[in-house]
């Protein structure tokens, strides 16, 4: 059985999502949230699976912005 993810409060999740959107570096996220790299990766996968975050490359994001402005 896979390990269970450590508990995050809704407030912690909100701040984490804001920090992801803000472009914080991985080491900053680890320090700020006092979580291991594995815990952060598990949370990102969970948020992605739940549709809470979308992961795009910079090129894909730029293309979407260009299309939406046409």
N, C-alpha and C. Protein backbone atom coordinates (compact mmCIF):
# COMPACT_ATOMS: atom_id res chain seq x y z
N UNK A 1 0.85 -1.17 0.00
CA UNK A 1 0.00 0.00 0.00
C UNK A 1 0.90 1.25 0.00
N UNK A 2 0.58 2.25 -0.87
CA UNK A 2 1.42 3.46 -0.91
C UNK A 2 1.30 4.27 0.37
N UNK A 3 2.34 5.01 0.70
CA UNK A 3 2.28 5.82 1.93
C UNK A 3 1.21 6.91 1.81
N UNK A 4 0.63 7.26 2.94
CA UNK A 4 -0.37 8.33 2.93
C UNK A 4 0.34 9.68 2.97
N UNK A 5 -0.23 10.60 2.24
CA UNK A 5 0.34 11.95 2.22
C UNK A 5 0.10 12.62 3.55
N UNK A 6 1.06 13.41 4.03
CA UNK A 6 0.85 14.14 5.28
C UNK A 6 -0.30 15.14 5.13
N UNK A 7 -0.96 15.41 6.21
CA UNK A 7 -2.13 16.30 6.19
C UNK A 7 -1.73 17.75 5.90
N UNK A 8 -2.52 18.39 5.06
CA UNK A 8 -2.39 19.82 4.77
C UNK A 8 -3.72 20.47 5.12
N UNK A 9 -3.68 21.60 5.78
CA UNK A 9 -4.91 22.34 6.03
C UNK A 9 -5.31 23.07 4.75
N UNK A 10 -6.58 23.44 4.62
CA UNK A 10 -6.98 24.21 3.44
C UNK A 10 -6.17 25.51 3.28
N UNK A 11 -5.84 26.14 4.38
CA UNK A 11 -5.04 27.37 4.33
C UNK A 11 -3.63 27.08 3.80
N UNK A 12 -3.03 25.97 4.25
CA UNK A 12 -1.70 25.59 3.76
C UNK A 12 -1.74 25.31 2.26
N UNK A 13 -2.80 24.64 1.81
CA UNK A 13 -2.93 24.36 0.39
C UNK A 13 -3.05 25.66 -0.41
N UNK A 14 -3.86 26.60 0.08
CA UNK A 14 -4.04 27.87 -0.61
C UNK A 14 -2.72 28.62 -0.75
N UNK A 15 -1.96 28.67 0.34
CA UNK A 15 -0.66 29.36 0.30
C UNK A 15 0.29 28.62 -0.64
N UNK A 16 0.28 27.31 -0.59
CA UNK A 16 1.16 26.52 -1.46
C UNK A 16 0.83 26.78 -2.93
N UNK A 17 -0.45 26.78 -3.28
CA UNK A 17 -0.85 27.05 -4.67
C UNK A 17 -0.42 28.46 -5.07
N UNK A 18 -0.60 29.42 -4.19
CA UNK A 18 -0.16 30.80 -4.48
C UNK A 18 1.34 30.85 -4.71
N UNK A 19 2.08 30.12 -3.90
CA UNK A 19 3.54 30.10 -4.06
C UNK A 19 3.95 29.42 -5.36
N UNK A 20 3.24 28.36 -5.74
CA UNK A 20 3.52 27.71 -7.03
C UNK A 20 3.26 28.68 -8.17
N UNK A 21 2.12 29.35 -8.11
CA UNK A 21 1.77 30.31 -9.15
C UNK A 21 2.74 31.49 -9.16
N UNK A 22 3.31 31.81 -8.02
CA UNK A 22 4.26 32.91 -7.91
C UNK A 22 5.65 32.57 -8.40
N UNK A 23 5.86 31.30 -8.74
CA UNK A 23 7.15 30.90 -9.30
C UNK A 23 8.26 30.69 -8.29
N UNK A 24 7.90 30.39 -7.06
CA UNK A 24 8.93 30.11 -6.07
C UNK A 24 9.77 28.92 -6.50
N UNK A 25 11.06 28.98 -6.19
CA UNK A 25 11.98 27.88 -6.49
C UNK A 25 11.69 26.71 -5.54
N UNK A 26 11.99 25.48 -5.98
CA UNK A 26 11.73 24.31 -5.12
C UNK A 26 12.34 24.43 -3.72
N UNK A 27 13.59 24.90 -3.63
CA UNK A 27 14.21 24.99 -2.29
C UNK A 27 13.49 26.02 -1.42
N UNK A 28 12.91 27.06 -2.04
CA UNK A 28 12.14 28.04 -1.26
C UNK A 28 10.85 27.42 -0.74
N UNK A 29 10.21 26.60 -1.57
CA UNK A 29 8.98 25.93 -1.15
C UNK A 29 9.24 24.97 0.00
N UNK A 30 10.34 24.22 -0.09
CA UNK A 30 10.71 23.27 0.96
C UNK A 30 10.92 24.01 2.28
N UNK A 31 11.64 25.12 2.23
CA UNK A 31 11.93 25.90 3.43
C UNK A 31 10.67 26.56 3.98
N UNK A 32 9.92 27.23 3.12
CA UNK A 32 8.74 27.98 3.56
C UNK A 32 7.68 27.06 4.16
N UNK A 33 7.43 25.93 3.52
CA UNK A 33 6.35 25.04 3.96
C UNK A 33 6.82 23.97 4.95
N UNK A 34 8.11 23.94 5.20
CA UNK A 34 8.69 22.97 6.13
C UNK A 34 8.24 21.55 5.80
N UNK A 35 8.36 21.22 4.51
CA UNK A 35 8.00 19.89 4.01
C UNK A 35 9.19 19.35 3.22
N UNK A 36 9.23 18.04 3.06
CA UNK A 36 10.28 17.44 2.25
C UNK A 36 9.93 17.60 0.77
N UNK A 37 10.92 17.39 -0.07
CA UNK A 37 10.69 17.44 -1.51
C UNK A 37 9.62 16.43 -1.92
N UNK A 38 9.70 15.24 -1.35
CA UNK A 38 8.72 14.19 -1.67
C UNK A 38 7.31 14.62 -1.27
N UNK A 39 7.17 15.23 -0.11
CA UNK A 39 5.85 15.69 0.34
C UNK A 39 5.28 16.75 -0.62
N UNK A 40 6.15 17.65 -1.09
CA UNK A 40 5.69 18.68 -2.02
C UNK A 40 5.29 18.08 -3.36
N UNK A 41 6.07 17.15 -3.84
CA UNK A 41 5.74 16.48 -5.11
C UNK A 41 4.42 15.74 -4.98
N UNK A 42 4.22 15.04 -3.87
CA UNK A 42 2.96 14.33 -3.67
C UNK A 42 1.78 15.30 -3.65
N UNK A 43 1.96 16.48 -3.03
CA UNK A 43 0.89 17.47 -2.97
C UNK A 43 0.61 18.03 -4.36
N UNK A 44 1.64 18.29 -5.15
CA UNK A 44 1.44 18.79 -6.51
C UNK A 44 0.66 17.76 -7.34
N UNK A 45 1.02 16.50 -7.22
CA UNK A 45 0.31 15.44 -7.95
C UNK A 45 -1.14 15.37 -7.51
N UNK A 46 -1.38 15.46 -6.22
CA UNK A 46 -2.75 15.44 -5.69
C UNK A 46 -3.55 16.63 -6.22
N UNK A 47 -2.97 17.83 -6.16
CA UNK A 47 -3.67 19.03 -6.63
C UNK A 47 -3.94 18.96 -8.13
N UNK A 48 -2.98 18.43 -8.88
CA UNK A 48 -3.15 18.26 -10.33
C UNK A 48 -4.27 17.26 -10.62
N UNK A 49 -4.27 16.15 -9.90
CA UNK A 49 -5.28 15.10 -10.10
C UNK A 49 -6.68 15.61 -9.76
N UNK A 50 -6.76 16.49 -8.77
CA UNK A 50 -8.05 17.06 -8.35
C UNK A 50 -8.47 18.26 -9.21
N UNK A 51 -7.61 18.66 -10.17
CA UNK A 51 -7.93 19.79 -11.02
C UNK A 51 -7.71 21.14 -10.35
N UNK A 52 -6.98 21.15 -9.25
CA UNK A 52 -6.73 22.40 -8.52
C UNK A 52 -5.62 23.23 -9.16
N UNK A 53 -4.68 22.56 -9.82
CA UNK A 53 -3.59 23.25 -10.52
C UNK A 53 -3.43 22.63 -11.91
N UNK A 54 -2.96 23.45 -12.83
CA UNK A 54 -2.67 23.00 -14.18
C UNK A 54 -1.19 23.28 -14.43
N UNK A 55 -0.50 22.30 -14.97
CA UNK A 55 0.92 22.45 -15.23
C UNK A 55 1.12 22.68 -16.72
N UNK A 56 1.71 23.83 -17.07
CA UNK A 56 1.99 24.17 -18.46
C UNK A 56 3.44 24.57 -18.60
N UNK A 57 4.01 24.25 -19.75
CA UNK A 57 5.35 24.78 -20.03
C UNK A 57 5.20 26.26 -20.36
N UNK A 58 6.28 27.00 -20.27
CA UNK A 58 6.25 28.43 -20.58
C UNK A 58 5.81 28.66 -22.02
N UNK A 59 6.30 27.83 -22.94
CA UNK A 59 5.94 27.99 -24.36
C UNK A 59 4.44 27.76 -24.58
N UNK A 60 3.88 26.77 -23.92
CA UNK A 60 2.44 26.50 -24.06
C UNK A 60 1.63 27.66 -23.48
N UNK A 61 2.05 28.17 -22.34
CA UNK A 61 1.35 29.29 -21.72
C UNK A 61 1.39 30.53 -22.63
N UNK A 62 2.56 30.81 -23.21
CA UNK A 62 2.69 31.95 -24.12
C UNK A 62 1.79 31.78 -25.33
N UNK A 63 1.71 30.57 -25.88
CA UNK A 63 0.85 30.31 -27.03
C UNK A 63 -0.62 30.52 -26.68
N UNK A 64 -1.03 30.09 -25.51
CA UNK A 64 -2.40 30.31 -25.07
C UNK A 64 -2.71 31.80 -24.94
N UNK A 65 -1.77 32.55 -24.39
CA UNK A 65 -1.96 33.99 -24.26
C UNK A 65 -2.09 34.66 -25.62
N UNK A 66 -1.22 34.27 -26.56
CA UNK A 66 -1.29 34.84 -27.92
C UNK A 66 -2.62 34.53 -28.57
N UNK A 67 -3.09 33.31 -28.46
CA UNK A 67 -4.37 32.93 -29.07
C UNK A 67 -5.54 33.68 -28.45
N UNK A 68 -5.50 33.87 -27.14
CA UNK A 68 -6.62 34.53 -26.47
C UNK A 68 -6.67 36.02 -26.79
N UNK A 69 -5.55 36.60 -27.21
CA UNK A 69 -5.54 38.03 -27.52
C UNK A 69 -5.86 38.32 -28.99
N UNK A 70 -6.09 37.28 -29.78
CA UNK A 70 -6.39 37.48 -31.21
C UNK A 70 -7.85 37.71 -31.44
